[in-house]
Amino acid sequence: MEQDLPGGARLIVGVDESPASRWALAWAIGVARLHRMALVAVHVSRAPVHPFPEALPVQQAVRMGEEVRCAEVIGAAFDDVAGGVPDDLTTAMVGRVGDPGYHLVDLAREGDLLVLGRGRRGLLSRIFLPSTSMYCARHARTTVVIVQQPAAPDDPEMSGERSRRFWSRRHP
């Protein structure tokens, strides 16, 4: 699924099925339009890699299936955010299998902008799945932008009553 990647400064955005990823893609589309940058959407599947050589045919079949799934995930993200791949941008789609942080850092080169979404994760998720955004922030050779997923309207931290009380205490 990996296409010829455009030259020059690129905006590389990590895409998955999370709401935070959708926010990052929307932000990336806007910045790519504003600065006339090529947009590279990347989905990395965490398919298991089998350590035994005799499982190689099975592993190759899994990898091919995951690459097809990567294209579906990226296409669905563009559909959700922009109604499809924007015609006014130079775009490329990249699907890989393995560790997302490693592959995103590998694709981003000096002069690129690497954009990732950061959602709200529970304690168990943080323990068992390392943070891709933190890995990229530590290891990337380029600028990394982490787009925070906004709080849900029913989030107690952002409830209307609490917000009104905060505002009225500080701004009579």
C-alpha atoms as a PDB file:
ATOM      1  CA  MET A   1       0.000   0.000   0.000  1.00  0.00           C
ATOM      2  CA  GLU A   2       2.957   2.328   0.398  1.00  0.00           C
ATOM      3  CA  GLN A   3       2.910   4.922  -2.340  1.00  0.00           C
ATOM      4  CA  ASP A   4       5.737   7.035  -3.672  1.00  0.00           C
ATOM      5  CA  LEU A   5       6.170   9.637  -0.978  1.00  0.00           C
ATOM      6  CA  PRO A   6       6.263  13.283  -2.018  1.00  0.00           C
ATOM      7  CA  GLY A   7       9.480  15.265  -1.747  1.00  0.00           C
ATOM      8  CA  GLY A   8       9.967  18.521   0.121  1.00  0.00           C
ATOM      9  CA  ALA A   9       8.532  19.310   3.528  1.00  0.00           C
ATOM     10  CA  ARG A  10       5.728  16.922   4.397  1.00  0.00           C
ATOM     11  CA  LEU A  11       3.121  16.722   7.074  1.00  0.00           C
ATOM     12  CA  ILE A  12       2.968  13.159   8.378  1.00  0.00           C
ATOM     13  CA  VAL A  13      -0.087  12.268  10.434  1.00  0.00           C
ATOM     14  CA  GLY A  14      -0.604   9.056  12.377  1.00  0.00           C
ATOM     15  CA  VAL A  15      -4.089   7.644  11.793  1.00  0.00           C
ATOM     16  CA  ASP A  16      -5.937   4.952  13.706  1.00  0.00           C
ATOM     17  CA  GLU A  17      -9.541   4.328  14.710  1.00  0.00           C
ATOM     18  CA  SER A  18      -9.554   6.602  17.761  1.00  0.00           C
ATOM     19  CA  PRO A  19     -11.372   9.942  18.066  1.00  0.00           C
ATOM     20  CA  ALA A  20      -8.050  11.600  18.935  1.00  0.00           C
ATOM     21  CA  SER A  21      -6.680  10.447  15.599  1.00  0.00           C
ATOM     22  CA  ARG A  22      -9.607  12.099  13.808  1.00  0.00           C
ATOM     23  CA  TRP A  23      -8.831  15.403  15.551  1.00  0.00           C
ATOM     24  CA  ALA A  24      -5.176  15.105  14.547  1.00  0.00           C
ATOM     25  CA  LEU A  25      -6.125  14.395  10.919  1.00  0.00           C
ATOM     26  CA  ALA A  26      -8.473  17.400  10.813  1.00  0.00           C
ATOM     27  CA  TRP A  27      -5.723  19.630  12.237  1.00  0.00           C
ATOM     28  CA  ALA A  28      -3.200  18.195   9.765  1.00  0.00           C
ATOM     29  CA  ILE A  29      -5.475  18.829   6.778  1.00  0.00           C
ATOM     30  CA  GLY A  30      -5.902  22.453   7.831  1.00  0.00           C
ATOM     31  CA  VAL A  31      -2.175  23.029   8.307  1.00  0.00           C
ATOM     32  CA  ALA A  32      -1.307  21.238   5.052  1.00  0.00           C
ATOM     33  CA  ARG A  33      -3.685  23.567   3.209  1.00  0.00           C
ATOM     34  CA  LEU A  34      -2.401  26.648   4.991  1.00  0.00           C
ATOM     35  CA  HIS A  35       1.281  25.912   4.316  1.00  0.00           C
ATOM     36  CA  ARG A  36       0.808  24.024   1.017  1.00  0.00           C
ATOM     37  CA  MET A  37       2.506  20.912   2.372  1.00  0.00           C
ATOM     38  CA  ALA A  38       2.078  17.349   1.151  1.00  0.00           C
ATOM     39  CA  LEU A  39       0.011  15.248   3.567  1.00  0.00           C
ATOM     40  CA  VAL A  40       1.104  11.688   4.337  1.00  0.00           C
ATOM     41  CA  ALA A  41      -1.451   9.655   6.309  1.00  0.00           C
ATOM     42  CA  VAL A  42       0.086   6.659   8.086  1.00  0.00           C
ATOM     43  CA  HIS A  43      -1.592   3.733   9.806  1.00  0.00           C
ATOM     44  CA  VAL A  44       0.572   1.159  11.548  1.00  0.00           C
ATOM     45  CA  SER A  45      -1.086  -2.085  12.553  1.00  0.00           C
ATOM     46  CA  ARG A  46       0.161  -3.853  15.659  1.00  0.00           C
ATOM     47  CA  ALA A  47      -0.167  -7.330  14.127  1.00  0.00           C
ATOM     48  CA  PRO A  48       1.830  -9.960  15.980  1.00  0.00           C
ATOM     49  CA  VAL A  49       5.144 -11.028  14.499  1.00  0.00           C
ATOM     50  CA  HIS A  50       5.779 -14.745  14.853  1.00  0.00           C
ATOM     51  CA  PRO A  51       9.317 -15.591  16.053  1.00  0.00           C
ATOM     52  CA  PHE A  52       9.543 -19.011  14.368  1.00  0.00           C
ATOM     53  CA  PRO A  53      10.764 -19.294  10.726  1.00  0.00           C
ATOM     54  CA  GLU A  54       8.319 -22.109   9.930  1.00  0.00           C
ATOM     55  CA  ALA A  55       5.457 -19.662  10.507  1.00  0.00           C
ATOM     56  CA  LEU A  56       6.721 -17.364   7.728  1.00  0.00           C
ATOM     57  CA  PRO A  57       3.885 -18.116   5.224  1.00  0.00           C
ATOM     58  CA  VAL A  58       1.300 -17.464   7.932  1.00  0.00           C
ATOM     59  CA  GLN A  59       3.094 -14.288   8.959  1.00  0.00           C
ATOM     60  CA  GLN A  60       3.186 -13.028   5.345  1.00  0.00           C
ATOM     61  CA  ALA A  61      -0.547 -13.678   4.942  1.00  0.00           C
ATOM     62  CA  VAL A  62      -1.271 -11.785   8.165  1.00  0.00           C
ATOM     63  CA  ARG A  63       0.934  -8.900   7.008  1.00  0.00           C
ATOM     64  CA  MET A  64      -0.858  -8.660   3.638  1.00  0.00           C
ATOM     65  CA  GLY A  65      -4.254  -8.702   5.363  1.00  0.00           C
ATOM     66  CA  GLU A  66      -3.142  -5.989   7.763  1.00  0.00           C
ATOM     67  CA  GLU A  67      -1.875  -3.786   4.917  1.00  0.00           C
ATOM     68  CA  VAL A  68      -5.315  -3.985   3.281  1.00  0.00           C
ATOM     69  CA  ARG A  69      -6.864  -3.098   6.636  1.00  0.00           C
ATOM     70  CA  CYS A  70      -4.505  -0.097   6.914  1.00  0.00           C
ATOM     71  CA  ALA A  71      -5.894   1.307   3.657  1.00  0.00           C
ATOM     72  CA  GLU A  72      -9.445   0.847   4.968  1.00  0.00           C
ATOM     73  CA  VAL A  73      -8.644   2.620   8.256  1.00  0.00           C
ATOM     74  CA  ILE A  74      -7.045   5.598   6.497  1.00  0.00           C
ATOM     75  CA  GLY A  75      -9.906   5.827   3.982  1.00  0.00           C
ATOM     76  CA  ALA A  76     -12.510   5.745   6.763  1.00  0.00           C
ATOM     77  CA  ALA A  77     -10.648   8.462   8.673  1.00  0.00           C
ATOM     78  CA  PHE A  78     -10.579  10.755   5.624  1.00  0.00           C
ATOM     79  CA  ASP A  79     -14.285  10.053   5.016  1.00  0.00           C
ATOM     80  CA  ASP A  80     -15.176  10.924   8.617  1.00  0.00           C
ATOM     81  CA  VAL A  81     -13.088  14.080   8.777  1.00  0.00           C
ATOM     82  CA  ALA A  82     -13.212  15.566   5.277  1.00  0.00           C
ATOM     83  CA  GLY A  83     -15.787  13.581   3.295  1.00  0.00           C
ATOM     84  CA  GLY A  84     -12.965  11.787   1.475  1.00  0.00           C
ATOM     85  CA  VAL A  85      -9.394  12.506   0.505  1.00  0.00           C
ATOM     86  CA  PRO A  86      -9.118  16.268  -0.205  1.00  0.00           C
ATOM     87  CA  ASP A  87      -8.573  17.012  -3.907  1.00  0.00           C
ATOM     88  CA  ASP A  88      -6.704  20.236  -3.191  1.00  0.00           C
ATOM     89  CA  LEU A  89      -3.845  18.500  -1.349  1.00  0.00           C
ATOM     90  CA  THR A  90      -1.012  16.282  -2.429  1.00  0.00           C
ATOM     91  CA  THR A  91      -1.642  13.169  -0.349  1.00  0.00           C
ATOM     92  CA  ALA A  92      -0.086   9.777   0.176  1.00  0.00           C
ATOM     93  CA  MET A  93      -1.223   6.841   2.280  1.00  0.00           C
ATOM     94  CA  VAL A  94       1.184   4.517   4.030  1.00  0.00           C
ATOM     95  CA  GLY A  95       0.304   1.262   5.760  1.00  0.00           C
ATOM     96  CA  ARG A  96       2.820  -0.638   7.835  1.00  0.00           C
ATOM     97  CA  VAL A  97       2.827  -3.492  10.307  1.00  0.00           C
ATOM     98  CA  GLY A  98       4.737  -3.325  13.588  1.00  0.00           C
ATOM     99  CA  ASP A  99       5.356  -0.745  16.281  1.00  0.00           C
ATOM    100  CA  PRO A 100       3.599   2.557  15.427  1.00  0.00           C
ATOM    101  CA  GLY A 101       6.144   4.803  17.147  1.00  0.00           C
ATOM    102  CA  TYR A 102       9.079   3.198  15.381  1.00  0.00           C
ATOM    103  CA  HIS A 103       7.501   3.432  11.918  1.00  0.00           C
ATOM    104  CA  LEU A 104       6.290   7.018  12.348  1.00  0.00           C
ATOM    105  CA  VAL A 105       9.734   8.164  13.472  1.00  0.00           C
ATOM    106  CA  ASP A 106      11.294   6.210  10.592  1.00  0.00           C
ATOM    107  CA  LEU A 107       9.077   7.967   8.018  1.00  0.00           C
ATOM    108  CA  ALA A 108       9.529  11.493   9.382  1.00  0.00           C
ATOM    109  CA  ARG A 109      12.664  13.204   8.225  1.00  0.00           C
ATOM    110  CA  GLU A 110      14.188  16.550   9.062  1.00  0.00           C
ATOM    111  CA  GLY A 111      11.961  19.380   7.858  1.00  0.00           C
ATOM    112  CA  ASP A 112       8.748  17.347   8.131  1.00  0.00           C
ATOM    113  CA  LEU A 113       5.997  17.901  10.663  1.00  0.00           C
ATOM    114  CA  LEU A 114       4.819  14.784  12.532  1.00  0.00           C
ATOM    115  CA  VAL A 115       1.252  15.053  13.881  1.00  0.00           C
ATOM    116  CA  LEU A 116      -0.320  12.633  16.357  1.00  0.00           C
ATOM    117  CA  GLY A 117      -3.526  12.536  18.320  1.00  0.00           C
ATOM    118  CA  ARG A 118      -3.547  12.027  22.072  1.00  0.00           C
ATOM    119  CA  GLY A 119      -6.684  10.601  23.584  1.00  0.00           C
ATOM    120  CA  ARG A 120      -7.668   9.892  27.128  1.00  0.00           C
ATOM    121  CA  ARG A 121      -6.483   6.459  28.209  1.00  0.00           C
ATOM    122  CA  GLY A 122      -7.130   4.466  31.316  1.00  0.00           C
ATOM    123  CA  LEU A 123      -4.480   3.171  33.699  1.00  0.00           C
ATOM    124  CA  LEU A 124      -4.387  -0.375  32.292  1.00  0.00           C
ATOM    125  CA  SER A 125      -4.080   0.892  28.747  1.00  0.00           C
ATOM    126  CA  ARG A 126      -1.154   3.116  29.723  1.00  0.00           C
ATOM    127  CA  ILE A 127       0.556   0.212  31.488  1.00  0.00           C
ATOM    128  CA  PHE A 128       0.218  -2.383  28.721  1.00  0.00           C
ATOM    129  CA  LEU A 129       0.452  -0.217  25.598  1.00  0.00           C
ATOM    130  CA  PRO A 130       3.255   2.319  25.489  1.00  0.00           C
ATOM    131  CA  SER A 131       2.402   5.822  24.341  1.00  0.00           C
ATOM    132  CA  THR A 132       3.127   6.298  20.654  1.00  0.00           C
ATOM    133  CA  SER A 133       3.096  10.080  21.010  1.00  0.00           C
ATOM    134  CA  MET A 134       5.664  10.026  23.819  1.00  0.00           C
ATOM    135  CA  TYR A 135       7.904   7.651  21.840  1.00  0.00           C
ATOM    136  CA  CYS A 136       7.751   9.960  18.819  1.00  0.00           C
ATOM    137  CA  ALA A 137       8.378  13.067  20.910  1.00  0.00           C
ATOM    138  CA  ARG A 138      11.536  11.479  22.323  1.00  0.00           C
ATOM    139  CA  HIS A 139      12.951   9.925  19.144  1.00  0.00           C
ATOM    140  CA  ALA A 140      11.801  11.968  16.126  1.00  0.00           C
ATOM    141  CA  ARG A 141      14.324  14.019  14.177  1.00  0.00           C
ATOM    142  CA  THR A 142      11.673  16.577  13.341  1.00  0.00           C
ATOM    143  CA  THR A 143       8.970  18.720  14.938  1.00  0.00           C
ATOM    144  CA  VAL A 144       6.216  16.707  16.628  1.00  0.00           C
ATOM    145  CA  VAL A 145       2.738  18.127  17.225  1.00  0.00           C
ATOM    146  CA  ILE A 146       0.452  16.252  19.598  1.00  0.00           C
ATOM    147  CA  VAL A 147      -3.210  17.183  19.195  1.00  0.00           C
ATOM    148  CA  GLN A 148      -5.180  16.669  22.407  1.00  0.00           C
ATOM    149  CA  GLN A 149      -8.632  15.179  22.022  1.00  0.00           C
ATOM    150  CA  PRO A 150     -11.177  17.640  23.461  1.00  0.00           C
ATOM    151  CA  ALA A 151     -13.113  16.624  26.548  1.00  0.00           C
ATOM    152  CA  ALA A 152     -16.530  15.104  25.993  1.00  0.00           C
ATOM    153  CA  PRO A 153     -19.478  17.392  26.837  1.00  0.00           C
ATOM    154  CA  ASP A 154     -20.523  15.068  29.669  1.00  0.00           C
ATOM    155  CA  ASP A 155     -17.034  15.100  31.217  1.00  0.00           C
ATOM    156  CA  PRO A 156     -17.364  16.283  34.854  1.00  0.00           C
ATOM    157  CA  GLU A 157     -14.198  18.334  34.470  1.00  0.00           C
ATOM    158  CA  MET A 158     -15.825  20.404  31.737  1.00  0.00           C
ATOM    159  CA  SER A 159     -19.451  20.426  32.882  1.00  0.00           C
ATOM    160  CA  GLY A 160     -21.422  23.601  32.317  1.00  0.00           C
ATOM    161  CA  GLU A 161     -22.095  24.253  36.021  1.00  0.00           C
ATOM    162  CA  ARG A 162     -18.460  23.844  37.004  1.00  0.00           C
ATOM    163  CA  SER A 163     -17.359  26.012  34.108  1.00  0.00           C
ATOM    164  CA  ARG A 164     -19.840  28.760  35.070  1.00  0.00           C
ATOM    165  CA  ARG A 165     -18.684  28.671  38.695  1.00  0.00           C
ATOM    166  CA  PHE A 166     -15.033  28.899  37.621  1.00  0.00           C
ATOM    167  CA  TRP A 167     -15.752  31.797  35.298  1.00  0.00           C
ATOM    168  CA  SER A 168     -17.867  33.764  37.782  1.00  0.00           C
ATOM    169  CA  ARG A 169     -15.279  33.421  40.569  1.00  0.00           C
ATOM    170  CA  ARG A 170     -12.507  34.773  38.414  1.00  0.00           C
ATOM    171  CA  HIS A 171     -14.424  37.271  36.273  1.00  0.00           C
ATOM    172  CA  PRO A 172     -17.258  38.962  38.233  1.00  0.00           C
END
